Amino acid sequence: MTHPFAILGVGPDANDEEIRQAYLRLVREFPPERDPQRFQVVREAYDAVENQRKRLAYRLFATPEVDLTPLLLACLQGGKSQRPGTNDWLELLRKELKEHRFIGDS
């Protein structure tokens, strides 16, 4: 799949509402009855990044060009990331890891 953020026409830091609005705009532009292939591409992009949890999974597992080592180390050490805009992701990752019992409370 091509980068879902590019398909939706939003930046990688877009929030749920910005992604939803972009998706709805594209669905109006390419409705499934008129352009089913394009609609499918848009739908897959939206499904990949529609909420913060899916964006985290996408960044962790579908974007090998991103070096997540500093973010993961910060998560495991209970600290903050030095990368701008990543601390929300860090908190979500920490929550996911705790939920699945990969790490304990710090």
PDB file of N, CA and C in Angstrom:
ATOM      1  N   MET A   1       0.849  -1.178   0.000  1.00  0.00           N
ATOM      2  CA  MET A   1       0.000   0.000   0.000  1.00  0.00           C
ATOM      3  C   MET A   1       0.891   1.235   0.000  1.00  0.00           C
ATOM      4  N   THR A   2       0.508   2.217  -0.774  1.00  0.00           N
ATOM      5  CA  THR A   2       1.161   3.509  -0.727  1.00  0.00           C
ATOM      6  C   THR A   2       0.903   4.115   0.646  1.00  0.00           C
ATOM      7  N   HIS A   3       1.743   5.017   1.037  1.00  0.00           N
ATOM      8  CA  HIS A   3       1.640   5.643   2.345  1.00  0.00           C
ATOM      9  C   HIS A   3       0.213   6.166   2.589  1.00  0.00           C
ATOM     10  N   PRO A   4      -0.481   5.666   3.623  1.00  0.00           N
ATOM     11  CA  PRO A   4      -1.882   6.057   3.831  1.00  0.00           C
ATOM     12  C   PRO A   4      -2.073   7.546   4.078  1.00  0.00           C
ATOM     13  N   PHE A   5      -1.111   8.184   4.724  1.00  0.00           N
ATOM     14  CA  PHE A   5      -1.247   9.623   4.950  1.00  0.00           C
ATOM     15  C   PHE A   5      -1.226  10.384   3.622  1.00  0.00           C
ATOM     16  N   ALA A   6      -0.378   9.935   2.710  1.00  0.00           N
ATOM     17  CA  ALA A   6      -0.310  10.578   1.394  1.00  0.00           C
ATOM     18  C   ALA A   6      -1.608  10.358   0.617  1.00  0.00           C
ATOM     19  N   ILE A   7      -2.147   9.150   0.686  1.00  0.00           N
ATOM     20  CA  ILE A   7      -3.411   8.861  -0.013  1.00  0.00           C
ATOM     21  C   ILE A   7      -4.514   9.761   0.516  1.00  0.00           C
ATOM     22  N   LEU A   8      -4.558   9.923   1.835  1.00  0.00           N
ATOM     23  CA  LEU A   8      -5.613  10.738   2.437  1.00  0.00           C
ATOM     24  C   LEU A   8      -5.321  12.231   2.326  1.00  0.00           C
ATOM     25  N   GLY A   9      -4.084  12.586   1.992  1.00  0.00           N
ATOM     26  CA  GLY A   9      -3.736  13.998   1.843  1.00  0.00           C
ATOM     27  C   GLY A   9      -3.592  14.722   3.165  1.00  0.00           C
ATOM     28  N   VAL A  10      -3.137  14.000   4.189  1.00  0.00           N
ATOM     29  CA  VAL A  10      -2.926  14.605   5.505  1.00  0.00           C
ATOM     30  C   VAL A  10      -1.482  14.344   5.934  1.00  0.00           C
ATOM     31  N   GLY A  11      -1.024  15.105   6.892  1.00  0.00           N
ATOM     32  CA  GLY A  11       0.314  14.923   7.417  1.00  0.00           C
ATOM     33  C   GLY A  11       0.377  13.754   8.381  1.00  0.00           C
ATOM     34  N   PRO A  12       1.573  13.243   8.669  1.00  0.00           N
ATOM     35  CA  PRO A  12       1.704  12.108   9.585  1.00  0.00           C
ATOM     36  C   PRO A  12       1.296  12.431  11.022  1.00  0.00           C
ATOM     37  N   ASP A  13       1.180  13.706  11.348  1.00  0.00           N
ATOM     38  CA  ASP A  13       0.756  14.095  12.692  1.00  0.00           C
ATOM     39  C   ASP A  13      -0.737  14.427  12.756  1.00  0.00           C
ATOM     40  N   ALA A  14      -1.482  14.107  11.707  1.00  0.00           N
ATOM     41  CA  ALA A  14      -2.921  14.411  11.687  1.00  0.00           C
ATOM     42  C   ALA A  14      -3.636  13.652  12.801  1.00  0.00           C
ATOM     43  N   ASN A  15      -4.659  14.279  13.367  1.00  0.00           N
ATOM     44  CA  ASN A  15      -5.415  13.623  14.441  1.00  0.00           C
ATOM     45  C   ASN A  15      -6.622  12.876  13.851  1.00  0.00           C
ATOM     46  N   ASP A  16      -7.377  12.208  14.720  1.00  0.00           N
ATOM     47  CA  ASP A  16      -8.519  11.397  14.277  1.00  0.00           C
ATOM     48  C   ASP A  16      -9.486  12.204  13.412  1.00  0.00           C
ATOM     49  N   GLU A  17      -9.824  13.409  13.861  1.00  0.00           N
ATOM     50  CA  GLU A  17     -10.821  14.209  13.153  1.00  0.00           C
ATOM     51  C   GLU A  17     -10.305  14.666  11.784  1.00  0.00           C
ATOM     52  N   GLU A  18      -9.050  15.079  11.707  1.00  0.00           N
ATOM     53  CA  GLU A  18      -8.476  15.497  10.418  1.00  0.00           C
ATOM     54  C   GLU A  18      -8.473  14.327   9.441  1.00  0.00           C
ATOM     55  N   ILE A  19      -8.139  13.134   9.927  1.00  0.00           N
ATOM     56  CA  ILE A  19      -8.116  11.950   9.070  1.00  0.00           C
ATOM     57  C   ILE A  19      -9.531  11.591   8.627  1.00  0.00           C
ATOM     58  N   ARG A  20     -10.474  11.675   9.553  1.00  0.00           N
ATOM     59  CA  ARG A  20     -11.870  11.372   9.214  1.00  0.00           C
ATOM     60  C   ARG A  20     -12.410  12.352   8.166  1.00  0.00           C
ATOM     61  N   GLN A  21     -12.117  13.638   8.347  1.00  0.00           N
ATOM     62  CA  GLN A  21     -12.578  14.644   7.386  1.00  0.00           C
ATOM     63  C   GLN A  21     -11.960  14.405   6.007  1.00  0.00           C
ATOM     64  N   ALA A  22     -10.678  14.061   5.962  1.00  0.00           N
ATOM     65  CA  ALA A  22     -10.016  13.778   4.688  1.00  0.00           C
ATOM     66  C   ALA A  22     -10.649  12.555   4.024  1.00  0.00           C
ATOM     67  N   TYR A  23     -10.925  11.534   4.836  1.00  0.00           N
ATOM     68  CA  TYR A  23     -11.566  10.317   4.305  1.00  0.00           C
ATOM     69  C   TYR A  23     -12.943  10.636   3.712  1.00  0.00           C
ATOM     70  N   LEU A  24     -13.756  11.379   4.452  1.00  0.00           N
ATOM     71  CA  LEU A  24     -15.098  11.718   3.967  1.00  0.00           C
ATOM     72  C   LEU A  24     -15.039  12.557   2.691  1.00  0.00           C
ATOM     73  N   ARG A  25     -14.067  13.483   2.632  1.00  0.00           N
ATOM     74  CA  ARG A  25     -13.916  14.308   1.423  1.00  0.00           C
ATOM     75  C   ARG A  25     -13.586  13.419   0.222  1.00  0.00           C
ATOM     76  N   LEU A  26     -12.702  12.434   0.412  1.00  0.00           N
ATOM     77  CA  LEU A  26     -12.313  11.551  -0.689  1.00  0.00           C
ATOM     78  C   LEU A  26     -13.433  10.588  -1.069  1.00  0.00           C
ATOM     79  N   VAL A  27     -14.223  10.161  -0.098  1.00  0.00           N
ATOM     80  CA  VAL A  27     -15.357   9.280  -0.409  1.00  0.00           C
ATOM     81  C   VAL A  27     -16.388  10.040  -1.250  1.00  0.00           C
ATOM     82  N   ARG A  28     -16.580  11.318  -0.944  1.00  0.00           N
ATOM     83  CA  ARG A  28     -17.499  12.120  -1.772  1.00  0.00           C
ATOM     84  C   ARG A  28     -16.937  12.298  -3.188  1.00  0.00           C
ATOM     85  N   GLU A  29     -15.614  12.418  -3.263  1.00  0.00           N
ATOM     86  CA  GLU A  29     -14.964  12.619  -4.556  1.00  0.00           C
ATOM     87  C   GLU A  29     -14.903  11.323  -5.377  1.00  0.00           C
ATOM     88  N   PHE A  30     -14.722  10.199  -4.678  1.00  0.00           N
ATOM     89  CA  PHE A  30     -14.609   8.898  -5.352  1.00  0.00           C
ATOM     90  C   PHE A  30     -15.573   7.902  -4.719  1.00  0.00           C
ATOM     91  N   PRO A  31     -16.887   8.083  -4.894  1.00  0.00           N
ATOM     92  CA  PRO A  31     -17.846   7.158  -4.286  1.00  0.00           C
ATOM     93  C   PRO A  31     -17.682   5.749  -4.869  1.00  0.00           C
ATOM     94  N   PRO A  32     -17.974   4.718  -4.067  1.00  0.00           N
ATOM     95  CA  PRO A  32     -17.733   3.335  -4.514  1.00  0.00           C
ATOM     96  C   PRO A  32     -18.497   2.949  -5.774  1.00  0.00           C
ATOM     97  N   GLU A  33     -19.670   3.517  -5.989  1.00  0.00           N
ATOM     98  CA  GLU A  33     -20.446   3.155  -7.180  1.00  0.00           C
ATOM     99  C   GLU A  33     -19.874   3.765  -8.460  1.00  0.00           C
ATOM    100  N   ARG A  34     -19.087   4.830  -8.338  1.00  0.00           N
ATOM    101  CA  ARG A  34     -18.507   5.456  -9.527  1.00  0.00           C
ATOM    102  C   ARG A  34     -17.049   5.060  -9.755  1.00  0.00           C
ATOM    103  N   ASP A  35     -16.295   4.854  -8.673  1.00  0.00           N
ATOM    104  CA  ASP A  35     -14.877   4.540  -8.801  1.00  0.00           C
ATOM    105  C   ASP A  35     -14.482   3.533  -7.722  1.00  0.00           C
ATOM    106  N   PRO A  36     -14.909   2.268  -7.881  1.00  0.00           N
ATOM    107  CA  PRO A  36     -14.680   1.287  -6.811  1.00  0.00           C
ATOM    108  C   PRO A  36     -13.211   1.035  -6.487  1.00  0.00           C
ATOM    109  N   GLN A  37     -12.336   1.092  -7.485  1.00  0.00           N
ATOM    110  CA  GLN A  37     -10.914   0.844  -7.202  1.00  0.00           C
ATOM    111  C   GLN A  37     -10.316   1.968  -6.362  1.00  0.00           C
ATOM    112  N   ARG A  38     -10.583   3.193  -6.747  1.00  0.00           N
ATOM    113  CA  ARG A  38     -10.057   4.325  -5.990  1.00  0.00           C
ATOM    114  C   ARG A  38     -10.660   4.342  -4.581  1.00  0.00           C
ATOM    115  N   PHE A  39     -11.960   4.050  -4.487  1.00  0.00           N
ATOM    116  CA  PHE A  39     -12.605   3.998  -3.179  1.00  0.00           C
ATOM    117  C   PHE A  39     -11.925   2.961  -2.292  1.00  0.00           C
ATOM    118  N   GLN A  40     -11.593   1.795  -2.861  1.00  0.00           N
ATOM    119  CA  GLN A  40     -10.937   0.740  -2.082  1.00  0.00           C
ATOM    120  C   GLN A  40      -9.587   1.207  -1.546  1.00  0.00           C
ATOM    121  N   VAL A  41      -8.832   1.927  -2.365  1.00  0.00           N
ATOM    122  CA  VAL A  41      -7.533   2.448  -1.933  1.00  0.00           C
ATOM    123  C   VAL A  41      -7.726   3.433  -0.781  1.00  0.00           C
ATOM    124  N   VAL A  42      -8.693   4.310  -0.914  1.00  0.00           N
ATOM    125  CA  VAL A  42      -8.977   5.300   0.139  1.00  0.00           C
ATOM    126  C   VAL A  42      -9.435   4.588   1.402  1.00  0.00           C
ATOM    127  N   ARG A  43     -10.296   3.601   1.262  1.00  0.00           N
ATOM    128  CA  ARG A  43     -10.811   2.869   2.422  1.00  0.00           C
ATOM    129  C   ARG A  43      -9.671   2.150   3.170  1.00  0.00           C
ATOM    130  N   GLU A  44      -8.775   1.503   2.408  1.00  0.00           N
ATOM    131  CA  GLU A  44      -7.645   0.808   3.036  1.00  0.00           C
ATOM    132  C   GLU A  44      -6.730   1.788   3.765  1.00  0.00           C
ATOM    133  N   ALA A  45      -6.519   2.950   3.161  1.00  0.00           N
ATOM    134  CA  ALA A  45      -5.682   3.968   3.821  1.00  0.00           C
ATOM    135  C   ALA A  45      -6.338   4.417   5.120  1.00  0.00           C
ATOM    136  N   TYR A  46      -7.629   4.674   5.084  1.00  0.00           N
ATOM    137  CA  TYR A  46      -8.348   5.100   6.290  1.00  0.00           C
ATOM    138  C   TYR A  46      -8.310   4.001   7.351  1.00  0.00           C
ATOM    139  N   ASP A  47      -8.542   2.781   6.952  1.00  0.00           N
ATOM    140  CA  ASP A  47      -8.505   1.662   7.907  1.00  0.00           C
ATOM    141  C   ASP A  47      -7.131   1.527   8.569  1.00  0.00           C
ATOM    142  N   ALA A  48      -6.081   1.879   7.859  1.00  0.00           N
ATOM    143  CA  ALA A  48      -4.727   1.727   8.398  1.00  0.00           C
ATOM    144  C   ALA A  48      -4.393   2.760   9.468  1.00  0.00           C
ATOM    145  N   VAL A  49      -5.028   3.961   9.402  1.00  0.00           N
ATOM    146  CA  VAL A  49      -4.595   5.042  10.301  1.00  0.00           C
ATOM    147  C   VAL A  49      -5.749   5.810  10.936  1.00  0.00           C
ATOM    148  N   GLU A  50      -6.932   5.221  10.989  1.00  0.00           N
ATOM    149  CA  GLU A  50      -8.107   5.983  11.410  1.00  0.00           C
ATOM    150  C   GLU A  50      -8.090   6.428  12.872  1.00  0.00           C
ATOM    151  N   ASN A  51      -7.374   5.743  13.740  1.00  0.00           N
ATOM    152  CA  ASN A  51      -7.309   6.179  15.131  1.00  0.00           C
ATOM    153  C   ASN A  51      -5.869   6.046  15.631  1.00  0.00           C
ATOM    154  N   GLN A  52      -5.632   6.564  16.814  1.00  0.00           N
ATOM    155  CA  GLN A  52      -4.273   6.616  17.334  1.00  0.00           C
ATOM    156  C   GLN A  52      -3.654   5.225  17.488  1.00  0.00           C
ATOM    157  N   ARG A  53      -4.446   4.278  17.912  1.00  0.00           N
ATOM    158  CA  ARG A  53      -3.951   2.906  18.081  1.00  0.00           C
ATOM    159  C   ARG A  53      -3.487   2.311  16.750  1.00  0.00           C
ATOM    160  N   LYS A  54      -4.277   2.515  15.702  1.00  0.00           N
ATOM    161  CA  LYS A  54      -3.893   1.998  14.388  1.00  0.00           C
ATOM    162  C   LYS A  54      -2.689   2.745  13.827  1.00  0.00           C
ATOM    163  N   ARG A  55      -2.613   4.056  14.100  1.00  0.00           N
ATOM    164  CA  ARG A  55      -1.443   4.809  13.635  1.00  0.00           C
ATOM    165  C   ARG A  55      -0.179   4.306  14.327  1.00  0.00           C
ATOM    166  N   LEU A  56      -0.299   4.001  15.597  1.00  0.00           N
ATOM    167  CA  LEU A  56       0.852   3.454  16.321  1.00  0.00           C
ATOM    168  C   LEU A  56       1.275   2.115  15.709  1.00  0.00           C
ATOM    169  N   ALA A  57       0.319   1.242  15.465  1.00  0.00           N
ATOM    170  CA  ALA A  57       0.635  -0.054  14.853  1.00  0.00           C
ATOM    171  C   ALA A  57       1.242   0.140  13.466  1.00  0.00           C
ATOM    172  N   TYR A  58       0.709   1.091  12.715  1.00  0.00           N
ATOM    173  CA  TYR A  58       1.258   1.358  11.384  1.00  0.00           C
ATOM    174  C   TYR A  58       2.704   1.811  11.493  1.00  0.00           C
ATOM    175  N   ARG A  59       2.964   2.735  12.412  1.00  0.00           N
ATOM    176  CA  ARG A  59       4.334   3.237  12.571  1.00  0.00           C
ATOM    177  C   ARG A  59       5.285   2.154  13.079  1.00  0.00           C
ATOM    178  N   LEU A  60       4.789   1.300  13.948  1.00  0.00           N
ATOM    179  CA  LEU A  60       5.651   0.263  14.498  1.00  0.00           C
ATOM    180  C   LEU A  60       5.945  -0.850  13.501  1.00  0.00           C
ATOM    181  N   PHE A  61       4.958  -1.236  12.738  1.00  0.00           N
ATOM    182  CA  PHE A  61       5.098  -2.446  11.928  1.00  0.00           C
ATOM    183  C   PHE A  61       5.065  -2.238  10.427  1.00  0.00           C
ATOM    184  N   ALA A  62       4.630  -1.097   9.944  1.00  0.00           N
ATOM    185  CA  ALA A  62       4.487  -0.922   8.502  1.00  0.00           C
ATOM    186  C   ALA A  62       5.395   0.143   7.916  1.00  0.00           C
ATOM    187  N   THR A  63       6.232   0.759   8.734  1.00  0.00           N
ATOM    188  CA  THR A  63       7.111   1.792   8.214  1.00  0.00           C
ATOM    189  C   THR A  63       8.548   1.520   8.661  1.00  0.00           C
ATOM    190  N   PRO A  64       9.228   0.567   8.016  1.00  0.00           N
ATOM    191  CA  PRO A  64      10.570   0.209   8.448  1.00  0.00           C
ATOM    192  C   PRO A  64      11.582   1.334   8.288  1.00  0.00           C
ATOM    193  N   GLU A  65      11.250   2.373   7.505  1.00  0.00           N
ATOM    194  CA  GLU A  65      12.203   3.465   7.324  1.00  0.00           C
ATOM    195  C   GLU A  65      12.297   4.367   8.554  1.00  0.00           C
ATOM    196  N   VAL A  66      11.362   4.201   9.492  1.00  0.00           N
ATOM    197  CA  VAL A  66      11.368   5.008  10.701  1.00  0.00           C
ATOM    198  C   VAL A  66      12.130   4.262  11.790  1.00  0.00           C
ATOM    199  N   ASP A  67      13.137   4.886  12.362  1.00  0.00           N
ATOM    200  CA  ASP A  67      13.904   4.286  13.449  1.00  0.00           C
ATOM    201  C   ASP A  67      13.169   4.539  14.762  1.00  0.00           C
ATOM    202  N   LEU A  68      12.582   3.490  15.300  1.00  0.00           N
ATOM    203  CA  LEU A  68      11.791   3.614  16.527  1.00  0.00           C
ATOM    204  C   LEU A  68      12.598   3.299  17.780  1.00  0.00           C
ATOM    205  N   THR A  69      13.861   3.015  17.603  1.00  0.00           N
ATOM    206  CA  THR A  69      14.681   2.633  18.754  1.00  0.00           C
ATOM    207  C   THR A  69      14.638   3.676  19.878  1.00  0.00           C
ATOM    208  N   PRO A  70      14.872   4.969  19.602  1.00  0.00           N
ATOM    209  CA  PRO A  70      14.817   5.943  20.697  1.00  0.00           C
ATOM    210  C   PRO A  70      13.449   5.999  21.376  1.00  0.00           C
ATOM    211  N   LEU A  71      12.385   5.866  20.601  1.00  0.00           N
ATOM    212  CA  LEU A  71      11.037   5.900  21.168  1.00  0.00           C
ATOM    213  C   LEU A  71      10.788   4.682  22.054  1.00  0.00           C
ATOM    214  N   LEU A  72      11.187   3.508  21.591  1.00  0.00           N
ATOM    215  CA  LEU A  72      10.991   2.294  22.386  1.00  0.00           C
ATOM    216  C   LEU A  72      11.830   2.321  23.658  1.00  0.00           C
ATOM    217  N   LEU A  73      13.058   2.801  23.555  1.00  0.00           N
ATOM    218  CA  LEU A  73      13.897   2.901  24.750  1.00  0.00           C
ATOM    219  C   LEU A  73      13.277   3.862  25.760  1.00  0.00           C
ATOM    220  N   ALA A  74      12.788   4.989  25.291  1.00  0.00           N
ATOM    221  CA  ALA A  74      12.150   5.945  26.190  1.00  0.00           C
ATOM    222  C   ALA A  74      10.924   5.323  26.839  1.00  0.00           C
ATOM    223  N   CYS A  75      10.182   4.537  26.076  1.00  0.00           N
ATOM    224  CA  CYS A  75       8.980   3.876  26.606  1.00  0.00           C
ATOM    225  C   CYS A  75       9.363   2.887  27.692  1.00  0.00           C
ATOM    226  N   LEU A  76      10.335   2.059  27.420  1.00  0.00           N
ATOM    227  CA  LEU A  76      10.731   1.033  28.381  1.00  0.00           C
ATOM    228  C   LEU A  76      11.373   1.630  29.631  1.00  0.00           C
ATOM    229  N   GLN A  77      12.005   2.785  29.478  1.00  0.00           N
ATOM    230  CA  GLN A  77      12.667   3.426  30.610  1.00  0.00           C
ATOM    231  C   GLN A  77      11.728   4.366  31.360  1.00  0.00           C
ATOM    232  N   GLY A  78      10.503   4.535  30.864  1.00  0.00           N
ATOM    233  CA  GLY A  78       9.521   5.371  31.541  1.00  0.00           C
ATOM    234  C   GLY A  78       9.763   6.858  31.384  1.00  0.00           C
ATOM    235  N   GLY A  79      10.562   7.241  30.420  1.00  0.00           N
ATOM    236  CA  GLY A  79      10.878   8.652  30.233  1.00  0.00           C
ATOM    237  C   GLY A  79      10.112   9.285  29.097  1.00  0.00           C
ATOM    238  N   LYS A  80      10.590  10.434  28.680  1.00  0.00           N
ATOM    239  CA  LYS A  80       9.982  11.176  27.577  1.00  0.00           C
ATOM    240  C   LYS A  80      10.896  11.077  26.362  1.00  0.00           C
ATOM    241  N   SER A  81      10.286  11.130  25.191  1.00  0.00           N
ATOM    242  CA  SER A  81      11.036  11.115  23.953  1.00  0.00           C
ATOM    243  C   SER A  81      11.557  12.510  23.643  1.00  0.00           C
ATOM    244  N   GLN A  82      12.707  12.573  23.001  1.00  0.00           N
ATOM    245  CA  GLN A  82      13.266  13.860  22.576  1.00  0.00           C
ATOM    246  C   GLN A  82      12.744  14.263  21.200  1.00  0.00           C
ATOM    247  N   ARG A  83      12.094  13.322  20.510  1.00  0.00           N
ATOM    248  CA  ARG A  83      11.557  13.639  19.179  1.00  0.00           C
ATOM    249  C   ARG A  83      10.279  14.433  19.329  1.00  0.00           C
ATOM    250  N   PRO A  84      10.173  15.588  18.647  1.00  0.00           N
ATOM    251  CA  PRO A  84       8.956  16.397  18.739  1.00  0.00           C
ATOM    252  C   PRO A  84       7.715  15.616  18.298  1.00  0.00           C
ATOM    253  N   GLY A  85       6.646  15.769  19.034  1.00  0.00           N
ATOM    254  CA  GLY A  85       5.371  15.162  18.659  1.00  0.00           C
ATOM    255  C   GLY A  85       5.264  13.680  18.924  1.00  0.00           C
ATOM    256  N   THR A  86       6.190  13.100  19.673  1.00  0.00           N
ATOM    257  CA  THR A  86       6.145  11.652  19.872  1.00  0.00           C
ATOM    258  C   THR A  86       5.690  11.248  21.265  1.00  0.00           C
ATOM    259  N   ASN A  87       5.543  12.182  22.184  1.00  0.00           N
ATOM    260  CA  ASN A  87       5.192  11.781  23.545  1.00  0.00           C
ATOM    261  C   ASN A  87       3.772  11.233  23.666  1.00  0.00           C
ATOM    262  N   ASP A  88       2.832  11.696  22.839  1.00  0.00           N
ATOM    263  CA  ASP A  88       1.500  11.072  22.830  1.00  0.00           C
ATOM    264  C   ASP A  88       1.605   9.620  22.384  1.00  0.00           C
ATOM    265  N   TRP A  89       2.435   9.388  21.375  1.00  0.00           N
ATOM    266  CA  TRP A  89       2.654   8.019  20.889  1.00  0.00           C
ATOM    267  C   TRP A  89       3.310   7.181  21.972  1.00  0.00           C
ATOM    268  N   LEU A  90       4.236   7.799  22.661  1.00  0.00           N
ATOM    269  CA  LEU A  90       4.948   7.101  23.725  1.00  0.00           C
ATOM    270  C   LEU A  90       3.988   6.662  24.819  1.00  0.00           C
ATOM    271  N   GLU A  91       3.092   7.530  25.213  1.00  0.00           N
ATOM    272  CA  GLU A  91       2.112   7.176  26.242  1.00  0.00           C
ATOM    273  C   GLU A  91       1.189   6.066  25.761  1.00  0.00           C
ATOM    274  N   LEU A  92       0.766   6.138  24.512  1.00  0.00           N
ATOM    275  CA  LEU A  92      -0.103   5.095  23.965  1.00  0.00           C
ATOM    276  C   LEU A  92       0.638   3.761  23.898  1.00  0.00           C
ATOM    277  N   LEU A  93       1.879   3.792  23.457  1.00  0.00           N
ATOM    278  CA  LEU A  93       2.676   2.567  23.390  1.00  0.00           C
ATOM    279  C   LEU A  93       2.869   1.990  24.786  1.00  0.00           C
ATOM    280  N   ARG A  94       3.175   2.858  25.751  1.00  0.00           N
ATOM    281  CA  ARG A  94       3.371   2.401  27.131  1.00  0.00           C
ATOM    282  C   ARG A  94       2.074   1.749  27.644  1.00  0.00           C
ATOM    283  N   LYS A  95       0.934   2.382  27.339  1.00  0.00           N
ATOM    284  CA  LYS A  95      -0.367   1.826  27.753  1.00  0.00           C
ATOM    285  C   LYS A  95      -0.603   0.459  27.111  1.00  0.00           C
ATOM    286  N   GLU A  96      -0.296   0.357  25.815  1.00  0.00           N
ATOM    287  CA  GLU A  96      -0.486  -0.922  25.110  1.00  0.00           C
ATOM    288  C   GLU A  96       0.409  -2.008  25.692  1.00  0.00           C
ATOM    289  N   LEU A  97       1.656  -1.651  25.967  1.00  0.00           N
ATOM    290  CA  LEU A  97       2.580  -2.641  26.514  1.00  0.00           C
ATOM    291  C   LEU A  97       2.157  -3.090  27.905  1.00  0.00           C
ATOM    292  N   LYS A  98       1.629  -2.157  28.709  1.00  0.00           N
ATOM    293  CA  LYS A  98       1.140  -2.532  30.034  1.00  0.00           C
ATOM    294  C   LYS A  98      -0.104  -3.404  29.924  1.00  0.00           C
ATOM    295  N   GLU A  99      -0.987  -3.011  29.011  1.00  0.00           N
ATOM    296  CA  GLU A  99      -2.229  -3.754  28.826  1.00  0.00           C
ATOM    297  C   GLU A  99      -1.949  -5.201  28.458  1.00  0.00           C
ATOM    298  N   HIS A 100      -0.920  -5.409  27.679  1.00  0.00           N
ATOM    299  CA  HIS A 100      -0.575  -6.766  27.250  1.00  0.00           C
ATOM    300  C   HIS A 100       0.512  -7.369  28.125  1.00  0.00           C
ATOM    301  N   ARG A 101       0.802  -6.676  29.234  1.00  0.00           N
ATOM    302  CA  ARG A 101       1.710  -7.162  30.269  1.00  0.00           C
ATOM    303  C   ARG A 101       3.147  -7.389  29.793  1.00  0.00           C
ATOM    304  N   PHE A 102       3.586  -6.576  28.819  1.00  0.00           N
ATOM    305  CA  PHE A 102       4.979  -6.633  28.406  1.00  0.00           C
ATOM    306  C   PHE A 102       5.848  -5.824  29.368  1.00  0.00           C
ATOM    307  N   ILE A 103       5.256  -4.828  30.021  1.00  0.00           N
ATOM    308  CA  ILE A 103       5.980  -4.042  31.010  1.00  0.00           C
ATOM    309  C   ILE A 103       5.065  -3.840  32.206  1.00  0.00           C
ATOM    310  N   GLY A 104       5.642  -3.538  33.361  1.00  0.00           N
ATOM    311  CA  GLY A 104       4.866  -3.271  34.564  1.00  0.00           C
ATOM    312  C   GLY A 104       4.699  -1.782  34.768  1.00  0.00           C
ATOM    313  N   ASP A 105       4.054  -1.395  35.862  1.00  0.00           N
ATOM    314  CA  ASP A 105       3.910   0.016  36.207  1.00  0.00           C
ATOM    315  C   ASP A 105       5.269   0.567  36.610  1.00  0.00           C
ATOM    316  N   SER A 106       5.548   1.785  36.178  1.00  0.00           N
ATOM    317  CA  SER A 106       6.821   2.403  36.566  1.00  0.00           C
ATOM    318  C   SER A 106       6.584   3.571  37.489  1.00  0.00           C
TER     319      SER A 106
END
